[in-house]
N, C-alpha and C. Protein backbone atom coordinates (compact mmCIF):
# COMPACT_ATOMS: atom_id res chain seq x y z
N UNK A 1 -5.21 8.79 9.74
CA UNK A 1 -6.56 8.57 9.24
C UNK A 1 -6.56 7.76 7.96
N UNK A 2 -5.58 7.97 7.13
CA UNK A 2 -5.53 7.23 5.85
C UNK A 2 -5.30 5.74 6.11
N UNK A 3 -4.38 5.42 6.97
CA UNK A 3 -4.13 4.00 7.29
C UNK A 3 -5.35 3.38 7.94
N UNK A 4 -6.02 4.11 8.81
CA UNK A 4 -7.25 3.60 9.42
C UNK A 4 -8.29 3.31 8.34
N UNK A 5 -8.41 4.20 7.35
CA UNK A 5 -9.35 3.99 6.25
C UNK A 5 -8.98 2.78 5.41
N UNK A 6 -7.68 2.60 5.13
CA UNK A 6 -7.25 1.41 4.37
C UNK A 6 -7.58 0.14 5.15
N UNK A 7 -7.34 0.17 6.46
CA UNK A 7 -7.63 -1.01 7.28
C UNK A 7 -9.13 -1.30 7.35
N UNK A 8 -9.95 -0.26 7.29
CA UNK A 8 -11.40 -0.48 7.27
C UNK A 8 -11.85 -1.01 5.91
N UNK A 9 -11.24 -0.51 4.84
CA UNK A 9 -11.61 -0.96 3.49
C UNK A 9 -11.12 -2.38 3.21
N UNK A 10 -10.00 -2.74 3.79
CA UNK A 10 -9.39 -4.06 3.57
C UNK A 10 -9.11 -4.70 4.94
N UNK A 11 -10.13 -5.17 5.62
CA UNK A 11 -9.92 -5.69 6.98
C UNK A 11 -9.01 -6.92 7.05
N UNK A 12 -8.84 -7.63 5.95
CA UNK A 12 -7.97 -8.81 5.94
C UNK A 12 -6.52 -8.47 5.61
N UNK A 13 -6.25 -7.19 5.32
CA UNK A 13 -4.90 -6.73 5.00
C UNK A 13 -4.58 -5.55 5.91
N UNK A 14 -4.12 -5.82 7.10
CA UNK A 14 -3.82 -4.77 8.08
C UNK A 14 -2.51 -4.07 7.73
N UNK A 15 -2.53 -2.75 7.79
CA UNK A 15 -1.35 -1.94 7.53
C UNK A 15 -0.98 -1.22 8.83
N UNK A 16 0.30 -1.22 9.15
CA UNK A 16 0.80 -0.48 10.31
C UNK A 16 1.78 0.59 9.85
N UNK A 17 1.62 1.79 10.37
CA UNK A 17 2.56 2.87 10.11
C UNK A 17 3.85 2.58 10.87
N UNK A 18 4.99 2.72 10.20
CA UNK A 18 6.28 2.54 10.85
C UNK A 18 6.96 3.88 11.11
N UNK A 19 7.14 4.67 10.03
CA UNK A 19 7.79 5.97 10.17
C UNK A 19 7.66 6.75 8.87
N UNK A 20 8.05 8.00 8.94
CA UNK A 20 8.11 8.86 7.76
C UNK A 20 9.46 9.55 7.75
N UNK A 21 10.13 9.52 6.62
CA UNK A 21 11.38 10.25 6.46
C UNK A 21 11.33 10.99 5.13
N UNK A 22 11.64 12.26 5.17
CA UNK A 22 11.63 13.10 3.96
C UNK A 22 10.33 12.90 3.18
N UNK A 23 10.41 12.32 2.00
CA UNK A 23 9.21 12.18 1.15
C UNK A 23 8.69 10.75 1.08
N UNK A 24 9.07 9.91 2.05
CA UNK A 24 8.68 8.50 2.03
C UNK A 24 7.98 8.12 3.33
N UNK A 25 6.88 7.40 3.19
CA UNK A 25 6.22 6.82 4.36
C UNK A 25 6.50 5.32 4.34
N UNK A 26 6.82 4.78 5.50
CA UNK A 26 7.15 3.36 5.65
C UNK A 26 6.01 2.68 6.40
N UNK A 27 5.49 1.61 5.79
CA UNK A 27 4.40 0.86 6.41
C UNK A 27 4.73 -0.63 6.35
N UNK A 28 4.07 -1.39 7.21
CA UNK A 28 4.25 -2.83 7.16
C UNK A 28 2.89 -3.51 7.12
N UNK A 29 2.88 -4.67 6.49
CA UNK A 29 1.73 -5.56 6.50
C UNK A 29 2.20 -6.80 7.26
N UNK A 30 1.87 -6.89 8.56
CA UNK A 30 2.42 -7.97 9.37
C UNK A 30 2.01 -9.37 8.93
N UNK A 31 0.84 -9.49 8.31
CA UNK A 31 0.39 -10.77 7.78
C UNK A 31 -0.14 -10.53 6.37
N UNK A 32 0.70 -10.80 5.39
CA UNK A 32 0.36 -10.52 3.99
C UNK A 32 -0.24 -11.72 3.27
N UNK A 33 -0.63 -12.75 4.00
CA UNK A 33 -1.15 -13.96 3.37
C UNK A 33 -2.38 -13.69 2.52
N UNK A 34 -3.35 -12.96 3.05
CA UNK A 34 -4.56 -12.69 2.29
C UNK A 34 -4.23 -11.86 1.04
N UNK A 35 -3.44 -10.82 1.21
CA UNK A 35 -3.05 -9.97 0.08
C UNK A 35 -2.29 -10.76 -0.98
N UNK A 36 -1.31 -11.53 -0.56
CA UNK A 36 -0.42 -12.19 -1.50
C UNK A 36 -0.85 -13.53 -2.01
N UNK A 37 -1.79 -14.19 -1.33
CA UNK A 37 -2.17 -15.54 -1.74
C UNK A 37 -3.65 -15.69 -2.07
N UNK A 38 -4.51 -14.81 -1.56
CA UNK A 38 -5.94 -15.00 -1.74
C UNK A 38 -6.62 -13.95 -2.62
N UNK A 39 -5.99 -12.80 -2.79
CA UNK A 39 -6.61 -11.74 -3.59
C UNK A 39 -6.26 -11.85 -5.07
N UNK A 40 -5.29 -12.69 -5.40
CA UNK A 40 -4.87 -12.83 -6.78
C UNK A 40 -4.04 -11.64 -7.22
N UNK A 41 -3.53 -11.71 -8.43
CA UNK A 41 -2.67 -10.67 -8.97
C UNK A 41 -3.42 -9.35 -9.12
N UNK A 42 -4.63 -9.40 -9.68
CA UNK A 42 -5.41 -8.18 -9.89
C UNK A 42 -5.81 -7.55 -8.56
N UNK A 43 -6.20 -8.36 -7.60
CA UNK A 43 -6.59 -7.83 -6.29
C UNK A 43 -5.43 -7.18 -5.57
N UNK A 44 -4.27 -7.83 -5.61
CA UNK A 44 -3.09 -7.25 -4.97
C UNK A 44 -2.67 -5.96 -5.66
N UNK A 45 -2.73 -5.93 -6.98
CA UNK A 45 -2.40 -4.71 -7.72
C UNK A 45 -3.34 -3.57 -7.36
N UNK A 46 -4.61 -3.89 -7.24
CA UNK A 46 -5.60 -2.87 -6.87
C UNK A 46 -5.35 -2.36 -5.45
N UNK A 47 -4.98 -3.26 -4.54
CA UNK A 47 -4.69 -2.85 -3.17
C UNK A 47 -3.48 -1.92 -3.12
N UNK A 48 -2.40 -2.29 -3.81
CA UNK A 48 -1.22 -1.43 -3.85
C UNK A 48 -1.60 -0.05 -4.41
N UNK A 49 -2.36 -0.03 -5.49
CA UNK A 49 -2.76 1.24 -6.08
C UNK A 49 -3.54 2.08 -5.08
N UNK A 50 -4.51 1.48 -4.42
CA UNK A 50 -5.32 2.20 -3.44
C UNK A 50 -4.45 2.74 -2.32
N UNK A 51 -3.55 1.92 -1.82
CA UNK A 51 -2.68 2.34 -0.72
C UNK A 51 -1.76 3.48 -1.15
N UNK A 52 -1.11 3.34 -2.30
CA UNK A 52 -0.17 4.36 -2.76
C UNK A 52 -0.88 5.67 -3.09
N UNK A 53 -1.98 5.60 -3.81
CA UNK A 53 -2.71 6.82 -4.17
C UNK A 53 -3.15 7.57 -2.92
N UNK A 54 -3.65 6.84 -1.95
CA UNK A 54 -4.11 7.49 -0.72
C UNK A 54 -2.97 8.01 0.14
N UNK A 55 -1.94 7.20 0.35
CA UNK A 55 -0.84 7.63 1.21
C UNK A 55 -0.03 8.77 0.59
N UNK A 56 0.10 8.79 -0.73
CA UNK A 56 0.84 9.89 -1.36
C UNK A 56 -0.03 11.12 -1.58
N UNK A 57 -1.28 11.07 -1.15
CA UNK A 57 -2.11 12.27 -1.21
C UNK A 57 -1.73 13.23 -0.08
N UNK A 58 -0.95 12.75 0.89
CA UNK A 58 -0.45 13.60 1.97
C UNK A 58 0.63 14.51 1.39
N UNK A 59 0.52 15.79 1.65
CA UNK A 59 1.47 16.76 1.12
C UNK A 59 2.91 16.37 1.49
N UNK A 60 3.77 16.29 0.49
CA UNK A 60 5.18 15.97 0.70
C UNK A 60 5.53 14.51 0.60
N UNK A 61 4.55 13.62 0.58
CA UNK A 61 4.83 12.18 0.47
C UNK A 61 4.80 11.79 -1.01
N UNK A 62 5.91 11.26 -1.49
CA UNK A 62 6.01 10.84 -2.89
C UNK A 62 6.23 9.34 -3.07
N UNK A 63 6.61 8.66 -1.98
CA UNK A 63 6.90 7.23 -2.06
C UNK A 63 6.30 6.51 -0.86
N UNK A 64 5.95 5.24 -1.08
CA UNK A 64 5.50 4.37 0.00
C UNK A 64 6.39 3.13 -0.01
N UNK A 65 6.99 2.85 1.14
CA UNK A 65 7.82 1.67 1.30
C UNK A 65 7.00 0.64 2.07
N UNK A 66 6.75 -0.50 1.43
CA UNK A 66 5.96 -1.57 2.03
C UNK A 66 6.90 -2.65 2.55
N UNK A 67 6.70 -3.07 3.79
CA UNK A 67 7.47 -4.16 4.38
C UNK A 67 6.51 -5.31 4.67
N UNK A 68 6.80 -6.48 4.11
CA UNK A 68 5.97 -7.67 4.34
C UNK A 68 6.74 -8.89 3.86
N UNK A 69 6.30 -10.06 4.32
CA UNK A 69 6.87 -11.30 3.83
C UNK A 69 6.48 -11.49 2.37
N UNK A 70 7.40 -12.09 1.59
CA UNK A 70 7.13 -12.38 0.19
C UNK A 70 6.00 -13.39 0.06
N UNK A 71 5.09 -13.10 -0.83
CA UNK A 71 3.97 -13.98 -1.16
C UNK A 71 3.95 -14.16 -2.68
N UNK A 72 3.01 -14.91 -3.18
CA UNK A 72 2.91 -15.14 -4.62
C UNK A 72 2.61 -13.86 -5.40
N UNK A 73 1.77 -12.99 -4.84
CA UNK A 73 1.32 -11.80 -5.56
C UNK A 73 1.68 -10.50 -4.85
N UNK A 74 2.46 -10.54 -3.81
CA UNK A 74 2.80 -9.34 -3.06
C UNK A 74 4.11 -9.55 -2.30
N UNK A 75 4.78 -8.44 -2.04
CA UNK A 75 6.02 -8.50 -1.27
C UNK A 75 6.50 -7.10 -0.97
N UNK A 76 7.58 -7.01 -0.22
CA UNK A 76 8.16 -5.72 0.12
C UNK A 76 8.58 -4.99 -1.15
N UNK A 77 8.28 -3.70 -1.19
CA UNK A 77 8.61 -2.90 -2.35
C UNK A 77 8.49 -1.43 -2.00
N UNK A 78 9.01 -0.59 -2.86
CA UNK A 78 8.83 0.86 -2.75
C UNK A 78 8.13 1.31 -4.02
N UNK A 79 7.02 2.03 -3.86
CA UNK A 79 6.25 2.49 -5.02
C UNK A 79 6.10 3.99 -4.93
N UNK A 80 6.38 4.67 -6.03
CA UNK A 80 6.26 6.12 -6.09
C UNK A 80 4.91 6.57 -6.61
N UNK A 81 4.56 7.79 -6.24
CA UNK A 81 3.31 8.40 -6.68
C UNK A 81 3.19 8.40 -8.20
N UNK A 82 4.30 8.62 -8.91
CA UNK A 82 4.26 8.70 -10.37
C UNK A 82 3.80 7.41 -11.03
N UNK A 83 3.88 6.30 -10.32
CA UNK A 83 3.42 5.03 -10.87
C UNK A 83 1.94 5.13 -11.27
N UNK A 84 1.18 5.94 -10.52
CA UNK A 84 -0.26 6.05 -10.76
C UNK A 84 -0.64 7.45 -11.23
N UNK A 85 0.28 8.16 -11.89
CA UNK A 85 0.02 9.54 -12.31
C UNK A 85 -1.12 9.65 -13.32
N UNK A 86 -1.40 8.59 -14.04
CA UNK A 86 -2.49 8.65 -15.02
C UNK A 86 -3.78 8.04 -14.49
N UNK A 87 -3.81 7.73 -13.20
CA UNK A 87 -5.00 7.16 -12.59
C UNK A 87 -6.14 8.17 -12.61
N UNK A 88 -7.30 7.71 -12.98
CA UNK A 88 -8.51 8.55 -13.01
C UNK A 88 -9.58 7.86 -12.21
N UNK A 89 -10.27 8.61 -11.36
CA UNK A 89 -11.40 8.06 -10.61
C UNK A 89 -12.51 7.74 -11.59
N UNK A 90 -13.06 6.53 -11.50
CA UNK A 90 -14.14 6.17 -12.43
C UNK A 90 -15.49 6.29 -11.76
């Protein structure tokens, strides 16, 4: 449901679930052009934050591994929940 929600919120940045192991969920962005080239640095950062905060809200998930082609503002990476530990809903 979370991935479906991300895909509805960001229709130009499709996310596919790959697998889950221990405390990490693995996802791919098969076409990261919009995320990495058209959303800019701030837009890509906001997308990563939204994805990580939502995906790590699942009990036991502490990390998100993103698989995608390298772009100017986005690329494959692993981001932990603690990266956004001070995030506050505004």
